[in-house]
Amino acid sequence: MKYQKLLSEFEAQLDTLESGNGDVLFKAEKGIVLVEKSIRKLQKQIAGKTFGCQADEIYFFKHVKPQIFSKLIYYVKLFNIESKRPRGKNPAQIKYLQYQIDKFQTFFNDNLEFYNYYRRGAMSLDERYFVRGNRDLRLPLESFHFLIDDQFSTCQDGTVATIMAYDMLIVYLRKEVDDLNNSLEPQKNTPMEKPSKLFWTGSKTDLIELLYALHASSSINSGTVDIKELASHFEHFYNVDLGNYYHTFIDIRSRKSSKTRFLDKLIEMLNQRMDSLDE
């Protein structure tokens, strides 16, 4: 279907927005406009049309539509949170941001049955959850009126989008809390390090995948080092700017095929090297 091209264009526009200048409220406003336009285009392509098979319909409402719709929920919530954020001292901001994180966690707890179904990649109830005509009218519609279209909505595609959006928001808010907490700590007097002569020439996404793998393995400082400190070390050591590595990690987690693409490649190449030496 044509939506694949629309999805690619949407992701490119979003990358341009996120990498550009402007504060968070500016980006949120621009993001809302961008996402709404994309959703309406997608709605025109899908509403009233039949899919080639039920599996295609399930894939669209379980994976494709939530990719775009989750960004709308994300930007709307982000704008509301940041526009009401206290401008006072750090402890007040930390308390406010932590309260927002707790609210998102409450949503997961309130929808625990479906949350666990989605998280473990289950498929047994997909026909009920992601085929049109089975909408659950008890679900909140977040006031996005175009969701009322029965030809563009299923029982749980909005819930999937909300889970994805809240994941992104929690990551964003935790980074803000970490930054505020770090600014409260006294700065250590560390000697200037010599610049590294090494350069990372692979993709930033690959390095971020490796970064999170090392952190998860507790192989550095017995797991006591935080992601921010580890990322700063990688950036200095390999002369690279990792950008918003928290957000990139969300993209890695949402991969449809192997989530550990780079690590799988490393294993394959190392095995090839060892096999060639054994010959």
C-alpha atoms as a PDB file:
ATOM      1  CA  MET A   1       0.000   0.000   0.000  1.00  0.00           C
ATOM      2  CA  LYS A   2       0.959   3.634  -0.456  1.00  0.00           C
ATOM      3  CA  TYR A   3       1.229   4.154   3.290  1.00  0.00           C
ATOM      4  CA  GLN A   4       4.796   2.780   3.281  1.00  0.00           C
ATOM      5  CA  LYS A   5       5.962   5.820   1.285  1.00  0.00           C
ATOM      6  CA  LEU A   6       3.994   8.121   3.566  1.00  0.00           C
ATOM      7  CA  LEU A   7       5.599   6.501   6.608  1.00  0.00           C
ATOM      8  CA  SER A   8       9.108   7.026   5.219  1.00  0.00           C
ATOM      9  CA  GLU A   9       8.406  10.680   4.428  1.00  0.00           C
ATOM     10  CA  PHE A  10       6.936  11.184   7.890  1.00  0.00           C
ATOM     11  CA  GLU A  11       9.994   9.731   9.639  1.00  0.00           C
ATOM     12  CA  ALA A  12      12.311  11.933   7.541  1.00  0.00           C
ATOM     13  CA  GLN A  13      10.315  15.076   8.408  1.00  0.00           C
ATOM     14  CA  LEU A  14      10.335  14.144  12.074  1.00  0.00           C
ATOM     15  CA  ASP A  15      14.115  13.591  12.056  1.00  0.00           C
ATOM     16  CA  THR A  16      14.584  17.043  10.509  1.00  0.00           C
ATOM     17  CA  LEU A  17      12.379  18.617  13.170  1.00  0.00           C
ATOM     18  CA  GLU A  18      14.110  16.881  16.087  1.00  0.00           C
ATOM     19  CA  SER A  19      17.625  17.674  14.842  1.00  0.00           C
ATOM     20  CA  GLY A  20      16.838  21.337  14.159  1.00  0.00           C
ATOM     21  CA  ASN A  21      16.986  24.377  16.402  1.00  0.00           C
ATOM     22  CA  GLY A  22      14.206  25.515  18.705  1.00  0.00           C
ATOM     23  CA  ASP A  23      13.122  24.820  22.246  1.00  0.00           C
ATOM     24  CA  VAL A  24      10.982  21.877  23.292  1.00  0.00           C
ATOM     25  CA  LEU A  25       7.678  23.780  23.119  1.00  0.00           C
ATOM     26  CA  PHE A  26       8.437  24.962  19.582  1.00  0.00           C
ATOM     27  CA  LYS A  27       9.267  21.423  18.475  1.00  0.00           C
ATOM     28  CA  ALA A  28       6.162  20.034  20.174  1.00  0.00           C
ATOM     29  CA  GLU A  29       3.908  22.544  18.392  1.00  0.00           C
ATOM     30  CA  LYS A  30       5.522  21.849  15.023  1.00  0.00           C
ATOM     31  CA  GLY A  31       5.386  18.121  15.707  1.00  0.00           C
ATOM     32  CA  ILE A  32       1.645  18.207  16.433  1.00  0.00           C
ATOM     33  CA  VAL A  33       0.943  19.947  13.120  1.00  0.00           C
ATOM     34  CA  LEU A  34       3.212  17.556  11.208  1.00  0.00           C
ATOM     35  CA  VAL A  35       1.731  14.417  12.750  1.00  0.00           C
ATOM     36  CA  GLU A  36      -1.894  15.516  12.295  1.00  0.00           C
ATOM     37  CA  LYS A  37      -1.264  16.126   8.574  1.00  0.00           C
ATOM     38  CA  SER A  38       0.319  12.698   8.200  1.00  0.00           C
ATOM     39  CA  ILE A  39      -2.503  10.953  10.062  1.00  0.00           C
ATOM     40  CA  ARG A  40      -5.137  12.610   7.885  1.00  0.00           C
ATOM     41  CA  LYS A  41      -3.279  11.511   4.748  1.00  0.00           C
ATOM     42  CA  LEU A  42      -3.087   8.000   6.128  1.00  0.00           C
ATOM     43  CA  GLN A  43      -6.769   8.086   7.018  1.00  0.00           C
ATOM     44  CA  LYS A  44      -7.715   8.973   3.429  1.00  0.00           C
ATOM     45  CA  GLN A  45      -5.647   6.075   2.098  1.00  0.00           C
ATOM     46  CA  ILE A  46      -7.155   3.494   4.464  1.00  0.00           C
ATOM     47  CA  ALA A  47     -10.745   4.503   5.270  1.00  0.00           C
ATOM     48  CA  GLY A  48     -13.250   2.554   3.167  1.00  0.00           C
ATOM     49  CA  LYS A  49     -10.610   0.316   1.612  1.00  0.00           C
ATOM     50  CA  THR A  50     -10.130  -3.400   2.141  1.00  0.00           C
ATOM     51  CA  PHE A  51      -6.786  -5.026   2.879  1.00  0.00           C
ATOM     52  CA  GLY A  52      -5.422  -7.914   0.820  1.00  0.00           C
ATOM     53  CA  CYS A  53      -5.885 -10.233   3.784  1.00  0.00           C
ATOM     54  CA  GLN A  54      -6.665 -10.065   7.472  1.00  0.00           C
ATOM     55  CA  ALA A  55      -2.962 -10.402   8.358  1.00  0.00           C
ATOM     56  CA  ASP A  56      -2.267  -7.155   6.440  1.00  0.00           C
ATOM     57  CA  GLU A  57      -5.043  -5.367   8.331  1.00  0.00           C
ATOM     58  CA  ILE A  58      -3.722  -6.593  11.680  1.00  0.00           C
ATOM     59  CA  TYR A  59      -0.163  -5.528  10.772  1.00  0.00           C
ATOM     60  CA  PHE A  60      -1.343  -2.054   9.793  1.00  0.00           C
ATOM     61  CA  PHE A  61      -3.340  -1.404  12.975  1.00  0.00           C
ATOM     62  CA  LYS A  62      -0.852  -3.108  15.290  1.00  0.00           C
ATOM     63  CA  HIS A  63       2.373  -1.641  13.890  1.00  0.00           C
ATOM     64  CA  VAL A  64       1.926   1.037  11.207  1.00  0.00           C
ATOM     65  CA  LYS A  65      -0.795   3.390  12.460  1.00  0.00           C
ATOM     66  CA  PRO A  66       0.535   3.401  16.069  1.00  0.00           C
ATOM     67  CA  GLN A  67       3.960   4.510  14.803  1.00  0.00           C
ATOM     68  CA  ILE A  68       2.440   7.792  13.639  1.00  0.00           C
ATOM     69  CA  PHE A  69      -0.368   8.209  16.141  1.00  0.00           C
ATOM     70  CA  SER A  70       1.993   7.639  19.092  1.00  0.00           C
ATOM     71  CA  LYS A  71       3.963  10.718  18.008  1.00  0.00           C
ATOM     72  CA  LEU A  72       0.800  12.836  18.187  1.00  0.00           C
ATOM     73  CA  ILE A  73       0.089  11.667  21.739  1.00  0.00           C
ATOM     74  CA  TYR A  74       3.758  12.227  22.590  1.00  0.00           C
ATOM     75  CA  TYR A  75       3.893  15.816  21.333  1.00  0.00           C
ATOM     76  CA  VAL A  76       0.537  16.818  22.839  1.00  0.00           C
ATOM     77  CA  LYS A  77       1.489  15.431  26.262  1.00  0.00           C
ATOM     78  CA  LEU A  78       5.003  16.870  26.004  1.00  0.00           C
ATOM     79  CA  PHE A  79       3.647  20.346  25.229  1.00  0.00           C
ATOM     80  CA  ASN A  80       1.226  20.190  28.166  1.00  0.00           C
ATOM     81  CA  ILE A  81       3.903  18.964  30.580  1.00  0.00           C
ATOM     82  CA  GLU A  82       6.568  21.473  29.543  1.00  0.00           C
ATOM     83  CA  SER A  83       4.192  24.438  29.385  1.00  0.00           C
ATOM     84  CA  LYS A  84       3.207  23.814  33.037  1.00  0.00           C
ATOM     85  CA  ARG A  85       6.689  22.919  34.261  1.00  0.00           C
ATOM     86  CA  PRO A  86       7.837  24.945  37.293  1.00  0.00           C
ATOM     87  CA  ARG A  87      10.557  27.466  36.527  1.00  0.00           C
ATOM     88  CA  GLY A  88      11.871  27.565  40.072  1.00  0.00           C
ATOM     89  CA  LYS A  89      14.598  25.573  41.778  1.00  0.00           C
ATOM     90  CA  ASN A  90      15.636  22.116  40.637  1.00  0.00           C
ATOM     91  CA  PRO A  91      13.980  20.127  43.476  1.00  0.00           C
ATOM     92  CA  ALA A  92      10.558  21.567  42.531  1.00  0.00           C
ATOM     93  CA  GLN A  93      11.089  20.626  38.884  1.00  0.00           C
ATOM     94  CA  ILE A  94      12.275  17.132  39.790  1.00  0.00           C
ATOM     95  CA  LYS A  95       9.185  16.573  41.959  1.00  0.00           C
ATOM     96  CA  TYR A  96       6.913  17.756  39.130  1.00  0.00           C
ATOM     97  CA  LEU A  97       8.609  15.601  36.471  1.00  0.00           C
ATOM     98  CA  GLN A  98       8.617  12.527  38.703  1.00  0.00           C
ATOM     99  CA  TYR A  99       4.885  13.000  39.281  1.00  0.00           C
ATOM    100  CA  GLN A 100       4.336  12.927  35.498  1.00  0.00           C
ATOM    101  CA  ILE A 101       6.394   9.724  35.202  1.00  0.00           C
ATOM    102  CA  ASP A 102       4.300   8.119  37.942  1.00  0.00           C
ATOM    103  CA  LYS A 103       1.085   9.012  36.072  1.00  0.00           C
ATOM    104  CA  PHE A 104       2.311   7.249  32.939  1.00  0.00           C
ATOM    105  CA  GLN A 105       3.311   4.210  34.976  1.00  0.00           C
ATOM    106  CA  THR A 106      -0.201   4.187  36.442  1.00  0.00           C
ATOM    107  CA  PHE A 107      -1.621   3.900  32.914  1.00  0.00           C
ATOM    108  CA  PHE A 108       0.481   0.775  32.348  1.00  0.00           C
ATOM    109  CA  ASN A 109      -0.771  -0.706  35.623  1.00  0.00           C
ATOM    110  CA  ASP A 110      -4.399   0.137  34.792  1.00  0.00           C
ATOM    111  CA  ASN A 111      -4.075  -1.628  31.430  1.00  0.00           C
ATOM    112  CA  LEU A 112      -1.847  -4.425  32.681  1.00  0.00           C
ATOM    113  CA  GLU A 113      -3.546  -7.311  30.859  1.00  0.00           C
ATOM    114  CA  PHE A 114      -3.231  -5.752  27.412  1.00  0.00           C
ATOM    115  CA  TYR A 115       0.130  -4.182  28.304  1.00  0.00           C
ATOM    116  CA  ASN A 116       1.587  -7.638  29.034  1.00  0.00           C
ATOM    117  CA  TYR A 117      -0.042  -9.067  25.888  1.00  0.00           C
ATOM    118  CA  TYR A 118       1.576  -6.386  23.734  1.00  0.00           C
ATOM    119  CA  ARG A 119       4.960  -6.443  25.486  1.00  0.00           C
ATOM    120  CA  ARG A 120       5.478 -10.170  25.106  1.00  0.00           C
ATOM    121  CA  GLY A 121       4.631 -10.031  21.392  1.00  0.00           C
ATOM    122  CA  ALA A 122       1.531 -12.217  21.740  1.00  0.00           C
ATOM    123  CA  MET A 123      -0.712 -12.745  18.696  1.00  0.00           C
ATOM    124  CA  SER A 124      -3.565 -14.984  19.870  1.00  0.00           C
ATOM    125  CA  LEU A 125      -6.053 -12.111  20.282  1.00  0.00           C
ATOM    126  CA  ASP A 126      -4.889  -9.950  17.360  1.00  0.00           C
ATOM    127  CA  GLU A 127      -8.064 -10.715  15.386  1.00  0.00           C
ATOM    128  CA  ARG A 128     -10.138  -9.177  18.186  1.00  0.00           C
ATOM    129  CA  TYR A 129      -7.775  -6.297  18.942  1.00  0.00           C
ATOM    130  CA  PHE A 130      -6.595  -5.141  15.503  1.00  0.00           C
ATOM    131  CA  VAL A 131      -9.394  -5.824  12.996  1.00  0.00           C
ATOM    132  CA  ARG A 132     -11.949  -3.120  12.273  1.00  0.00           C
ATOM    133  CA  GLY A 133     -15.451  -3.545  13.636  1.00  0.00           C
ATOM    134  CA  ASN A 134     -14.419  -4.668  17.118  1.00  0.00           C
ATOM    135  CA  ARG A 135     -13.912  -1.311  18.788  1.00  0.00           C
ATOM    136  CA  ASP A 136     -14.222  -1.072  22.561  1.00  0.00           C
ATOM    137  CA  LEU A 137     -16.296   2.033  23.281  1.00  0.00           C
ATOM    138  CA  ARG A 138     -15.090   2.093  26.873  1.00  0.00           C
ATOM    139  CA  LEU A 139     -11.598   3.146  25.800  1.00  0.00           C
ATOM    140  CA  PRO A 140     -10.730   6.861  26.158  1.00  0.00           C
ATOM    141  CA  LEU A 141     -10.339   8.619  22.820  1.00  0.00           C
ATOM    142  CA  GLU A 142      -7.932  11.292  24.058  1.00  0.00           C
ATOM    143  CA  SER A 143     -10.241  13.842  22.324  1.00  0.00           C
ATOM    144  CA  PHE A 144      -8.656  13.089  18.921  1.00  0.00           C
ATOM    145  CA  HIS A 145     -11.928  13.229  17.008  1.00  0.00           C
ATOM    146  CA  PHE A 146     -10.745  11.481  13.846  1.00  0.00           C
ATOM    147  CA  LEU A 147     -10.469   8.268  15.861  1.00  0.00           C
ATOM    148  CA  ILE A 148     -14.260   8.052  15.780  1.00  0.00           C
ATOM    149  CA  ASP A 149     -13.981   6.831  12.150  1.00  0.00           C
ATOM    150  CA  ASP A 150     -14.755   3.104  12.360  1.00  0.00           C
ATOM    151  CA  GLN A 151     -12.870   2.520   9.101  1.00  0.00           C
ATOM    152  CA  PHE A 152      -9.670   3.904  10.654  1.00  0.00           C
ATOM    153  CA  SER A 153      -9.845   2.445  14.160  1.00  0.00           C
ATOM    154  CA  THR A 154      -9.752  -0.898  15.929  1.00  0.00           C
ATOM    155  CA  CYS A 155     -10.231  -1.993  19.512  1.00  0.00           C
ATOM    156  CA  GLN A 156      -6.645  -1.504  20.668  1.00  0.00           C
ATOM    157  CA  ASP A 157      -4.524   0.355  18.099  1.00  0.00           C
ATOM    158  CA  GLY A 158      -4.961   3.529  20.169  1.00  0.00           C
ATOM    159  CA  THR A 159      -3.754   1.710  23.276  1.00  0.00           C
ATOM    160  CA  VAL A 160      -0.634   0.525  21.456  1.00  0.00           C
ATOM    161  CA  ALA A 161       0.033   4.114  20.337  1.00  0.00           C
ATOM    162  CA  THR A 162      -0.432   5.327  23.903  1.00  0.00           C
ATOM    163  CA  ILE A 163       2.006   2.729  25.270  1.00  0.00           C
ATOM    164  CA  MET A 164       4.593   3.767  22.665  1.00  0.00           C
ATOM    165  CA  ALA A 165       4.052   7.471  23.417  1.00  0.00           C
ATOM    166  CA  TYR A 166       4.300   6.996  27.178  1.00  0.00           C
ATOM    167  CA  ASP A 167       7.505   4.985  26.714  1.00  0.00           C
ATOM    168  CA  MET A 168       9.012   7.941  24.854  1.00  0.00           C
ATOM    169  CA  LEU A 169       7.739  10.440  27.426  1.00  0.00           C
ATOM    170  CA  ILE A 170       9.130   8.442  30.365  1.00  0.00           C
ATOM    171  CA  VAL A 171      12.528   8.267  28.659  1.00  0.00           C
ATOM    172  CA  TYR A 172      12.457  12.022  27.992  1.00  0.00           C
ATOM    173  CA  LEU A 173      11.370  12.877  31.544  1.00  0.00           C
ATOM    174  CA  ARG A 174      13.919  10.575  33.163  1.00  0.00           C
ATOM    175  CA  LYS A 175      16.681  12.263  31.185  1.00  0.00           C
ATOM    176  CA  GLU A 176      15.430  15.655  32.367  1.00  0.00           C
ATOM    177  CA  VAL A 177      15.404  14.410  35.973  1.00  0.00           C
ATOM    178  CA  ASP A 178      18.930  12.984  35.574  1.00  0.00           C
ATOM    179  CA  ASP A 179      20.187  16.312  34.196  1.00  0.00           C
ATOM    180  CA  LEU A 180      18.611  18.238  37.083  1.00  0.00           C
ATOM    181  CA  ASN A 181      20.006  15.824  39.670  1.00  0.00           C
ATOM    182  CA  ASN A 182      23.476  16.009  38.138  1.00  0.00           C
ATOM    183  CA  SER A 183      23.411  19.809  38.220  1.00  0.00           C
ATOM    184  CA  LEU A 184      22.758  19.627  41.977  1.00  0.00           C
ATOM    185  CA  GLU A 185      25.912  17.580  42.546  1.00  0.00           C
ATOM    186  CA  PRO A 186      29.190  19.459  43.096  1.00  0.00           C
ATOM    187  CA  GLN A 187      31.409  19.410  40.035  1.00  0.00           C
ATOM    188  CA  LYS A 188      34.502  17.250  40.376  1.00  0.00           C
ATOM    189  CA  ASN A 189      37.861  18.747  39.516  1.00  0.00           C
ATOM    190  CA  THR A 190      39.083  16.340  36.889  1.00  0.00           C
ATOM    191  CA  PRO A 191      42.235  16.881  34.857  1.00  0.00           C
ATOM    192  CA  MET A 192      41.806  17.643  31.180  1.00  0.00           C
ATOM    193  CA  GLU A 193      41.934  14.443  29.172  1.00  0.00           C
ATOM    194  CA  LYS A 194      43.899  14.222  25.979  1.00  0.00           C
ATOM    195  CA  PRO A 195      41.711  14.080  22.869  1.00  0.00           C
ATOM    196  CA  SER A 196      41.279  10.583  21.477  1.00  0.00           C
ATOM    197  CA  LYS A 197      42.744   9.717  18.100  1.00  0.00           C
ATOM    198  CA  LEU A 198      40.019   7.145  17.481  1.00  0.00           C
ATOM    199  CA  PHE A 199      36.896   7.880  15.438  1.00  0.00           C
ATOM    200  CA  TRP A 200      33.683   5.881  15.288  1.00  0.00           C
ATOM    201  CA  THR A 201      33.020   5.304  11.592  1.00  0.00           C
ATOM    202  CA  GLY A 202      29.949   3.096  11.906  1.00  0.00           C
ATOM    203  CA  SER A 203      26.425   4.388  12.435  1.00  0.00           C
ATOM    204  CA  LYS A 204      25.510   6.152  15.676  1.00  0.00           C
ATOM    205  CA  THR A 205      22.608   3.739  16.122  1.00  0.00           C
ATOM    206  CA  ASP A 206      25.046   0.794  16.124  1.00  0.00           C
ATOM    207  CA  LEU A 207      27.195   2.436  18.789  1.00  0.00           C
ATOM    208  CA  ILE A 208      24.138   3.186  20.927  1.00  0.00           C
ATOM    209  CA  GLU A 209      23.051  -0.471  20.637  1.00  0.00           C
ATOM    210  CA  LEU A 210      26.520  -1.504  21.854  1.00  0.00           C
ATOM    211  CA  LEU A 211      26.403   1.107  24.619  1.00  0.00           C
ATOM    212  CA  TYR A 212      23.126  -0.214  26.019  1.00  0.00           C
ATOM    213  CA  ALA A 213      24.319  -3.821  25.722  1.00  0.00           C
ATOM    214  CA  LEU A 214      27.394  -3.037  27.831  1.00  0.00           C
ATOM    215  CA  HIS A 215      25.248  -1.206  30.368  1.00  0.00           C
ATOM    216  CA  ALA A 216      22.768  -4.102  30.573  1.00  0.00           C
ATOM    217  CA  SER A 217      25.585  -6.617  31.072  1.00  0.00           C
ATOM    218  CA  SER A 218      26.957  -4.748  34.145  1.00  0.00           C
ATOM    219  CA  SER A 219      30.421  -5.247  32.637  1.00  0.00           C
ATOM    220  CA  ILE A 220      31.591  -1.707  33.479  1.00  0.00           C
ATOM    221  CA  ASN A 221      31.982  -0.662  37.132  1.00  0.00           C
ATOM    222  CA  SER A 222      29.869  -3.716  38.046  1.00  0.00           C
ATOM    223  CA  GLY A 223      26.815  -2.006  36.577  1.00  0.00           C
ATOM    224  CA  THR A 224      26.952   1.084  38.804  1.00  0.00           C
ATOM    225  CA  VAL A 225      27.752   3.516  35.981  1.00  0.00           C
ATOM    226  CA  ASP A 226      24.717   5.286  34.502  1.00  0.00           C
ATOM    227  CA  ILE A 227      23.884   5.545  30.800  1.00  0.00           C
ATOM    228  CA  LYS A 228      24.688   9.268  30.625  1.00  0.00           C
ATOM    229  CA  GLU A 229      28.213   8.805  31.994  1.00  0.00           C
ATOM    230  CA  LEU A 230      28.820   5.834  29.719  1.00  0.00           C
ATOM    231  CA  ALA A 231      27.557   7.754  26.674  1.00  0.00           C
ATOM    232  CA  SER A 232      29.821  10.722  27.506  1.00  0.00           C
ATOM    233  CA  HIS A 233      32.810   8.375  27.679  1.00  0.00           C
ATOM    234  CA  PHE A 234      31.959   6.846  24.295  1.00  0.00           C
ATOM    235  CA  GLU A 235      31.490  10.301  22.754  1.00  0.00           C
ATOM    236  CA  HIS A 236      34.895  11.470  24.029  1.00  0.00           C
ATOM    237  CA  PHE A 237      36.725   8.245  23.259  1.00  0.00           C
ATOM    238  CA  TYR A 238      35.364   7.884  19.707  1.00  0.00           C
ATOM    239  CA  ASN A 239      34.972  11.577  18.811  1.00  0.00           C
ATOM    240  CA  VAL A 240      31.263  11.241  18.082  1.00  0.00           C
ATOM    241  CA  ASP A 241      28.100  13.067  19.128  1.00  0.00           C
ATOM    242  CA  LEU A 242      25.471  10.434  19.962  1.00  0.00           C
ATOM    243  CA  GLY A 243      22.622  12.962  20.040  1.00  0.00           C
ATOM    244  CA  ASN A 244      19.447  11.852  21.822  1.00  0.00           C
ATOM    245  CA  TYR A 245      20.575   8.295  22.561  1.00  0.00           C
ATOM    246  CA  TYR A 246      17.540   7.746  24.817  1.00  0.00           C
ATOM    247  CA  HIS A 247      15.212   8.307  21.849  1.00  0.00           C
ATOM    248  CA  THR A 248      17.381   6.184  19.540  1.00  0.00           C
ATOM    249  CA  PHE A 249      17.157   3.305  22.017  1.00  0.00           C
ATOM    250  CA  ILE A 250      13.353   3.479  21.792  1.00  0.00           C
ATOM    251  CA  ASP A 251      13.661   3.134  17.996  1.00  0.00           C
ATOM    252  CA  ILE A 252      15.959   0.112  18.473  1.00  0.00           C
ATOM    253  CA  ARG A 253      13.425  -1.492  20.822  1.00  0.00           C
ATOM    254  CA  SER A 254      10.618  -1.011  18.282  1.00  0.00           C
ATOM    255  CA  ARG A 255      12.400  -2.832  15.445  1.00  0.00           C
ATOM    256  CA  LYS A 256      10.174  -5.408  13.783  1.00  0.00           C
ATOM    257  CA  SER A 257      12.953  -7.909  13.070  1.00  0.00           C
ATOM    258  CA  SER A 258      16.045  -8.408  15.218  1.00  0.00           C
ATOM    259  CA  LYS A 259      16.337  -5.786  17.951  1.00  0.00           C
ATOM    260  CA  THR A 260      20.059  -6.618  18.309  1.00  0.00           C
ATOM    261  CA  ARG A 261      20.993  -6.108  14.669  1.00  0.00           C
ATOM    262  CA  PHE A 262      24.500  -4.749  15.284  1.00  0.00           C
ATOM    263  CA  LEU A 263      25.338  -7.242  18.035  1.00  0.00           C
ATOM    264  CA  ASP A 264      24.190 -10.088  15.769  1.00  0.00           C
ATOM    265  CA  LYS A 265      26.469  -8.724  13.042  1.00  0.00           C
ATOM    266  CA  LEU A 266      29.423  -8.582  15.458  1.00  0.00           C
ATOM    267  CA  ILE A 267      28.898 -12.230  16.450  1.00  0.00           C
ATOM    268  CA  GLU A 268      28.677 -13.305  12.805  1.00  0.00           C
ATOM    269  CA  MET A 269      31.827 -11.412  11.790  1.00  0.00           C
ATOM    270  CA  LEU A 270      33.828 -12.659  14.781  1.00  0.00           C
ATOM    271  CA  ASN A 271      32.829 -16.244  14.022  1.00  0.00           C
ATOM    272  CA  GLN A 272      33.885 -15.730  10.398  1.00  0.00           C
ATOM    273  CA  ARG A 273      37.257 -14.369  11.532  1.00  0.00           C
ATOM    274  CA  MET A 274      37.856 -17.327  13.860  1.00  0.00           C
ATOM    275  CA  ASP A 275      36.723 -19.835  11.215  1.00  0.00           C
ATOM    276  CA  SER A 276      39.100 -18.330   8.653  1.00  0.00           C
ATOM    277  CA  LEU A 277      42.015 -18.618  11.122  1.00  0.00           C
ATOM    278  CA  ASP A 278      41.145 -22.283  11.747  1.00  0.00           C
ATOM    279  CA  GLU A 279      41.336 -23.140   8.052  1.00  0.00           C
END
